[in-house]
PDB file of all heavy atoms in Angstrom:
ATOM      1  N   LEU A   1       0.833  -1.199  -0.001  1.00  0.00           N
ATOM      2  CA  LEU A   1       0.002   0.001   0.003  1.00  0.00           C
ATOM      3  C   LEU A   1       0.869   1.254   0.001  1.00  0.00           C
ATOM      4  O   LEU A   1       0.582   2.218  -0.721  1.00  0.00           O
ATOM      5  CB  LEU A   1      -0.949   0.001   1.201  1.00  0.00           C
ATOM      6  CG  LEU A   1      -1.904   1.192   1.305  1.00  0.00           C
ATOM      7  CD1 LEU A   1      -2.802   1.285   0.071  1.00  0.00           C
ATOM      8  CD2 LEU A   1      -2.736   1.096   2.574  1.00  0.00           C
ATOM      9  N   TYR A   2       1.931   1.238   0.782  1.00  0.00           N
ATOM     10  CA  TYR A   2       2.839   2.389   0.834  1.00  0.00           C
ATOM     11  C   TYR A   2       3.428   2.674  -0.549  1.00  0.00           C
ATOM     12  O   TYR A   2       3.417   3.819  -1.016  1.00  0.00           O
ATOM     13  CB  TYR A   2       3.950   2.139   1.852  1.00  0.00           C
ATOM     14  CG  TYR A   2       4.973   3.255   1.917  1.00  0.00           C
ATOM     15  CD1 TYR A   2       4.635   4.526   2.385  1.00  0.00           C
ATOM     16  CD2 TYR A   2       6.289   3.042   1.507  1.00  0.00           C
ATOM     17  CE1 TYR A   2       5.575   5.546   2.445  1.00  0.00           C
ATOM     18  CE2 TYR A   2       7.233   4.055   1.565  1.00  0.00           C
ATOM     19  CZ  TYR A   2       6.867   5.304   2.034  1.00  0.00           C
ATOM     20  OH  TYR A   2       7.806   6.319   2.088  1.00  0.00           O
ATOM     21  N   ILE A   3       3.915   1.652  -1.215  1.00  0.00           N
ATOM     22  CA  ILE A   3       4.504   1.832  -2.544  1.00  0.00           C
ATOM     23  C   ILE A   3       3.449   2.365  -3.524  1.00  0.00           C
ATOM     24  O   ILE A   3       3.717   3.292  -4.296  1.00  0.00           O
ATOM     25  CB  ILE A   3       5.141   0.520  -3.050  1.00  0.00           C
ATOM     26  CG1 ILE A   3       6.378   0.186  -2.204  1.00  0.00           C
ATOM     27  CG2 ILE A   3       5.486   0.606  -4.529  1.00  0.00           C
ATOM     28  CD1 ILE A   3       6.924  -1.212  -2.418  1.00  0.00           C
ATOM     29  N   GLN A   4       2.252   1.821  -3.473  1.00  0.00           N
ATOM     30  CA  GLN A   4       1.167   2.274  -4.355  1.00  0.00           C
ATOM     31  C   GLN A   4       0.845   3.743  -4.104  1.00  0.00           C
ATOM     32  O   GLN A   4       0.739   4.539  -5.047  1.00  0.00           O
ATOM     33  CB  GLN A   4      -0.065   1.413  -4.119  1.00  0.00           C
ATOM     34  CG  GLN A   4      -1.317   1.875  -4.836  1.00  0.00           C
ATOM     35  CD  GLN A   4      -2.568   1.154  -4.326  1.00  0.00           C
ATOM     36  OE1 GLN A   4      -2.506   0.042  -3.813  1.00  0.00           O
ATOM     37  NE2 GLN A   4      -3.699   1.812  -4.455  1.00  0.00           N
ATOM     38  N   GLN A   5       0.679   4.106  -2.839  1.00  0.00           N
ATOM     39  CA  GLN A   5       0.337   5.485  -2.503  1.00  0.00           C
ATOM     40  C   GLN A   5       1.468   6.444  -2.867  1.00  0.00           C
ATOM     41  O   GLN A   5       1.229   7.553  -3.350  1.00  0.00           O
ATOM     42  CB  GLN A   5       0.016   5.615  -1.012  1.00  0.00           C
ATOM     43  CG  GLN A   5      -1.280   4.980  -0.613  1.00  0.00           C
ATOM     44  CD  GLN A   5      -1.568   5.137   0.867  1.00  0.00           C
ATOM     45  OE1 GLN A   5      -0.707   5.540   1.653  1.00  0.00           O
ATOM     46  NE2 GLN A   5      -2.781   4.803   1.268  1.00  0.00           N
ATOM     47  N   GLN A   6       2.689   6.013  -2.625  1.00  0.00           N
ATOM     48  CA  GLN A   6       3.828   6.869  -2.949  1.00  0.00           C
ATOM     49  C   GLN A   6       3.970   7.065  -4.451  1.00  0.00           C
ATOM     50  O   GLN A   6       4.317   8.155  -4.902  1.00  0.00           O
ATOM     51  CB  GLN A   6       5.115   6.294  -2.354  1.00  0.00           C
ATOM     52  CG  GLN A   6       5.186   6.427  -0.845  1.00  0.00           C
ATOM     53  CD  GLN A   6       5.200   7.881  -0.428  1.00  0.00           C
ATOM     54  OE1 GLN A   6       6.104   8.628  -0.788  1.00  0.00           O
ATOM     55  NE2 GLN A   6       4.192   8.305   0.310  1.00  0.00           N
ATOM     56  N   MET A   7       3.709   6.043  -5.214  1.00  0.00           N
ATOM     57  CA  MET A   7       3.763   6.179  -6.670  1.00  0.00           C
ATOM     58  C   MET A   7       2.737   7.212  -7.126  1.00  0.00           C
ATOM     59  O   MET A   7       3.042   8.120  -7.909  1.00  0.00           O
ATOM     60  CB  MET A   7       3.515   4.828  -7.349  1.00  0.00           C
ATOM     61  CG  MET A   7       3.636   4.904  -8.863  1.00  0.00           C
ATOM     62  SD  MET A   7       5.254   5.415  -9.460  1.00  0.00           S
ATOM     63  CE  MET A   7       6.125   3.871  -9.284  1.00  0.00           C
ATOM     64  N   GLN A   8       1.521   7.097  -6.618  1.00  0.00           N
ATOM     65  CA  GLN A   8       0.464   8.040  -6.980  1.00  0.00           C
ATOM     66  C   GLN A   8       0.847   9.460  -6.561  1.00  0.00           C
ATOM     67  O   GLN A   8       0.740  10.391  -7.353  1.00  0.00           O
ATOM     68  CB  GLN A   8      -0.847   7.626  -6.305  1.00  0.00           C
ATOM     69  CG  GLN A   8      -1.995   8.584  -6.545  1.00  0.00           C
ATOM     70  CD  GLN A   8      -3.252   8.180  -5.792  1.00  0.00           C
ATOM     71  OE1 GLN A   8      -3.544   7.004  -5.639  1.00  0.00           O
ATOM     72  NE2 GLN A   8      -3.984   9.144  -5.308  1.00  0.00           N
ATOM     73  N   SER A   9       1.301   9.624  -5.337  1.00  0.00           N
ATOM     74  CA  SER A   9       1.591  10.974  -4.851  1.00  0.00           C
ATOM     75  C   SER A   9       2.811  11.572  -5.549  1.00  0.00           C
ATOM     76  O   SER A   9       2.848  12.780  -5.807  1.00  0.00           O
ATOM     77  CB  SER A   9       1.769  10.978  -3.330  1.00  0.00           C
ATOM     78  OG  SER A   9       2.907  10.255  -2.943  1.00  0.00           O
ATOM     79  N   HIS A  10       3.804  10.742  -5.876  1.00  0.00           N
ATOM     80  CA  HIS A  10       4.975  11.269  -6.572  1.00  0.00           C
ATOM     81  C   HIS A  10       4.638  11.641  -8.023  1.00  0.00           C
ATOM     82  O   HIS A  10       5.199  12.604  -8.560  1.00  0.00           O
ATOM     83  CB  HIS A  10       6.149  10.277  -6.511  1.00  0.00           C
ATOM     84  CG  HIS A  10       6.921  10.403  -5.243  1.00  0.00           C
ATOM     85  ND1 HIS A  10       6.553   9.758  -4.084  1.00  0.00           N
ATOM     86  CD2 HIS A  10       8.039  11.118  -4.956  1.00  0.00           C
ATOM     87  CE1 HIS A  10       7.423  10.065  -3.139  1.00  0.00           C
ATOM     88  NE2 HIS A  10       8.329  10.891  -3.646  1.00  0.00           N
ATOM     89  N   GLN A  11       3.732  10.921  -8.644  1.00  0.00           N
ATOM     90  CA  GLN A  11       3.314  11.299  -9.999  1.00  0.00           C
ATOM     91  C   GLN A  11       2.576  12.642  -9.960  1.00  0.00           C
ATOM     92  O   GLN A  11       2.774  13.494 -10.829  1.00  0.00           O
ATOM     93  CB  GLN A  11       2.454  10.195 -10.618  1.00  0.00           C
ATOM     94  CG  GLN A  11       3.284   8.977 -10.986  1.00  0.00           C
ATOM     95  CD  GLN A  11       2.450   7.762 -11.351  1.00  0.00           C
ATOM     96  OE1 GLN A  11       1.285   7.652 -11.018  1.00  0.00           O
ATOM     97  NE2 GLN A  11       3.083   6.822 -12.045  1.00  0.00           N
ATOM     98  N   GLN A  12       1.758  12.842  -8.933  1.00  0.00           N
ATOM     99  CA  GLN A  12       1.079  14.131  -8.781  1.00  0.00           C
ATOM    100  C   GLN A  12       2.093  15.232  -8.503  1.00  0.00           C
ATOM    101  O   GLN A  12       2.018  16.324  -9.079  1.00  0.00           O
ATOM    102  CB  GLN A  12       0.054  14.061  -7.649  1.00  0.00           C
ATOM    103  CG  GLN A  12      -1.136  13.192  -7.962  1.00  0.00           C
ATOM    104  CD  GLN A  12      -2.055  12.992  -6.762  1.00  0.00           C
ATOM    105  OE1 GLN A  12      -1.747  13.390  -5.647  1.00  0.00           O
ATOM    106  NE2 GLN A  12      -3.193  12.369  -6.999  1.00  0.00           N
ATOM    107  N   ALA A  13       3.056  14.954  -7.626  1.00  0.00           N
ATOM    108  CA  ALA A  13       4.082  15.944  -7.296  1.00  0.00           C
ATOM    109  C   ALA A  13       4.898  16.302  -8.534  1.00  0.00           C
ATOM    110  O   ALA A  13       5.243  17.476  -8.741  1.00  0.00           O
ATOM    111  CB  ALA A  13       4.996  15.414  -6.194  1.00  0.00           C
ATOM    112  N   LEU A  14       5.182  15.316  -9.356  1.00  0.00           N
ATOM    113  CA  LEU A  14       5.936  15.574 -10.578  1.00  0.00           C
ATOM    114  C   LEU A  14       5.173  16.528 -11.488  1.00  0.00           C
ATOM    115  O   LEU A  14       5.760  17.448 -12.071  1.00  0.00           O
ATOM    116  CB  LEU A  14       6.253  14.253 -11.298  1.00  0.00           C
ATOM    117  CG  LEU A  14       7.111  14.367 -12.552  1.00  0.00           C
ATOM    118  CD1 LEU A  14       8.479  14.972 -12.244  1.00  0.00           C
ATOM    119  CD2 LEU A  14       7.270  12.988 -13.185  1.00  0.00           C
ATOM    120  N   MET A  15       3.854  16.338 -11.600  1.00  0.00           N
ATOM    121  CA  MET A  15       3.043  17.249 -12.417  1.00  0.00           C
ATOM    122  C   MET A  15       3.112  18.671 -11.883  1.00  0.00           C
ATOM    123  O   MET A  15       3.249  19.623 -12.650  1.00  0.00           O
ATOM    124  CB  MET A  15       1.586  16.779 -12.457  1.00  0.00           C
ATOM    125  CG  MET A  15       1.339  15.621 -13.385  1.00  0.00           C
ATOM    126  SD  MET A  15      -0.434  15.284 -13.569  1.00  0.00           S
ATOM    127  CE  MET A  15      -0.699  14.200 -12.174  1.00  0.00           C
ATOM    128  N   VAL A  16       3.009  18.820 -10.563  1.00  0.00           N
ATOM    129  CA  VAL A  16       3.069  20.158  -9.958  1.00  0.00           C
ATOM    130  C   VAL A  16       4.424  20.801 -10.244  1.00  0.00           C
ATOM    131  O   VAL A  16       4.499  21.957 -10.675  1.00  0.00           O
ATOM    132  CB  VAL A  16       2.819  20.081  -8.429  1.00  0.00           C
ATOM    133  CG1 VAL A  16       3.167  21.398  -7.748  1.00  0.00           C
ATOM    134  CG2 VAL A  16       1.374  19.708  -8.148  1.00  0.00           C
ATOM    135  N   GLN A  17       5.505  20.056 -10.010  1.00  0.00           N
ATOM    136  CA  GLN A  17       6.852  20.619 -10.190  1.00  0.00           C
ATOM    137  C   GLN A  17       7.116  20.953 -11.653  1.00  0.00           C
ATOM    138  O   GLN A  17       7.649  22.022 -11.968  1.00  0.00           O
ATOM    139  CB  GLN A  17       7.909  19.643  -9.654  1.00  0.00           C
ATOM    140  CG  GLN A  17       7.796  19.355  -8.167  1.00  0.00           C
ATOM    141  CD  GLN A  17       8.008  20.578  -7.279  1.00  0.00           C
ATOM    142  OE1 GLN A  17       8.586  21.580  -7.672  1.00  0.00           O
ATOM    143  NE2 GLN A  17       7.536  20.499  -6.051  1.00  0.00           N
ATOM    144  N   GLN A  18       6.767  20.037 -12.557  1.00  0.00           N
ATOM    145  CA  GLN A  18       6.998  20.295 -13.983  1.00  0.00           C
ATOM    146  C   GLN A  18       6.167  21.482 -14.466  1.00  0.00           C
ATOM    147  O   GLN A  18       6.655  22.305 -15.240  1.00  0.00           O
ATOM    148  CB  GLN A  18       6.656  19.055 -14.811  1.00  0.00           C
ATOM    149  CG  GLN A  18       7.668  17.946 -14.673  1.00  0.00           C
ATOM    150  CD  GLN A  18       7.265  16.672 -15.404  1.00  0.00           C
ATOM    151  OE1 GLN A  18       6.088  16.336 -15.510  1.00  0.00           O
ATOM    152  NE2 GLN A  18       8.256  15.939 -15.885  1.00  0.00           N
ATOM    153  N   ASN A  19       4.914  21.557 -14.015  1.00  0.00           N
ATOM    154  CA  ASN A  19       4.047  22.658 -14.432  1.00  0.00           C
ATOM    155  C   ASN A  19       4.604  23.992 -13.965  1.00  0.00           C
ATOM    156  O   ASN A  19       4.665  24.949 -14.736  1.00  0.00           O
ATOM    157  CB  ASN A  19       2.625  22.443 -13.899  1.00  0.00           C
ATOM    158  CG  ASN A  19       1.673  23.497 -14.418  1.00  0.00           C
ATOM    159  OD1 ASN A  19       1.504  23.666 -15.604  1.00  0.00           O
ATOM    160  ND2 ASN A  19       1.063  24.233 -13.499  1.00  0.00           N
ATOM    161  N   TYR A  20       5.044  24.052 -12.703  1.00  0.00           N
ATOM    162  CA  TYR A  20       5.550  25.342 -12.222  1.00  0.00           C
ATOM    163  C   TYR A  20       6.899  25.661 -12.855  1.00  0.00           C
ATOM    164  O   TYR A  20       7.175  26.819 -13.187  1.00  0.00           O
ATOM    165  CB  TYR A  20       5.639  25.405 -10.695  1.00  0.00           C
ATOM    166  CG  TYR A  20       5.665  26.849 -10.247  1.00  0.00           C
ATOM    167  CD1 TYR A  20       4.488  27.568 -10.126  1.00  0.00           C
ATOM    168  CD2 TYR A  20       6.865  27.516 -10.037  1.00  0.00           C
ATOM    169  CE1 TYR A  20       4.503  28.915  -9.789  1.00  0.00           C
ATOM    170  CE2 TYR A  20       6.886  28.865  -9.698  1.00  0.00           C
ATOM    171  CZ  TYR A  20       5.700  29.557  -9.584  1.00  0.00           C
ATOM    172  OH  TYR A  20       5.713  30.891  -9.265  1.00  0.00           O
ATOM    173  N   ALA A  21       7.728  24.660 -13.072  1.00  0.00           N
ATOM    174  CA  ALA A  21       9.021  24.888 -13.722  1.00  0.00           C
ATOM    175  C   ALA A  21       8.821  25.475 -15.116  1.00  0.00           C
ATOM    176  O   ALA A  21       9.612  26.307 -15.572  1.00  0.00           O
ATOM    177  CB  ALA A  21       9.822  23.591 -13.791  1.00  0.00           C
ATOM    178  N   LYS A  22       7.757  25.071 -15.774  1.00  0.00           N
ATOM    179  CA  LYS A  22       7.491  25.528 -17.143  1.00  0.00           C
ATOM    180  C   LYS A  22       6.680  26.817 -17.191  1.00  0.00           C
ATOM    181  O   LYS A  22       6.946  27.694 -18.015  1.00  0.00           O
ATOM    182  CB  LYS A  22       6.746  24.418 -17.906  1.00  0.00           C
ATOM    183  CG  LYS A  22       6.595  24.672 -19.374  1.00  0.00           C
ATOM    184  CD  LYS A  22       5.993  23.459 -20.080  1.00  0.00           C
ATOM    185  CE  LYS A  22       5.898  23.691 -21.570  1.00  0.00           C
ATOM    186  NZ  LYS A  22       5.327  22.527 -22.259  1.00  0.00           N
ATOM    187  N   HIS A  23       5.683  26.934 -16.314  1.00  0.00           N
ATOM    188  CA  HIS A  23       4.731  28.040 -16.424  1.00  0.00           C
ATOM    189  C   HIS A  23       4.716  28.982 -15.229  1.00  0.00           C
ATOM    190  O   HIS A  23       3.928  29.922 -15.212  1.00  0.00           O
ATOM    191  CB  HIS A  23       3.306  27.500 -16.605  1.00  0.00           C
ATOM    192  CG  HIS A  23       3.147  26.596 -17.775  1.00  0.00           C
ATOM    193  ND1 HIS A  23       3.207  27.019 -19.076  1.00  0.00           N
ATOM    194  CD2 HIS A  23       2.947  25.258 -17.837  1.00  0.00           C
ATOM    195  CE1 HIS A  23       3.041  25.995 -19.893  1.00  0.00           C
ATOM    196  NE2 HIS A  23       2.879  24.918 -19.166  1.00  0.00           N
ATOM    197  N   GLY A  24       5.526  28.723 -14.219  1.00  0.00           N
ATOM    198  CA  GLY A  24       5.481  29.505 -12.983  1.00  0.00           C
ATOM    199  C   GLY A  24       5.784  30.974 -13.193  1.00  0.00           C
ATOM    200  O   GLY A  24       6.553  31.355 -14.079  1.00  0.00           O
TER     201      GLY A  24
END
């Protein structure tokens, strides 16, 4: 469960970081 949740949350975090890096 930890690995599953971390994968989901890190994919979301990656979207946030990439979006701000590009459009911030």
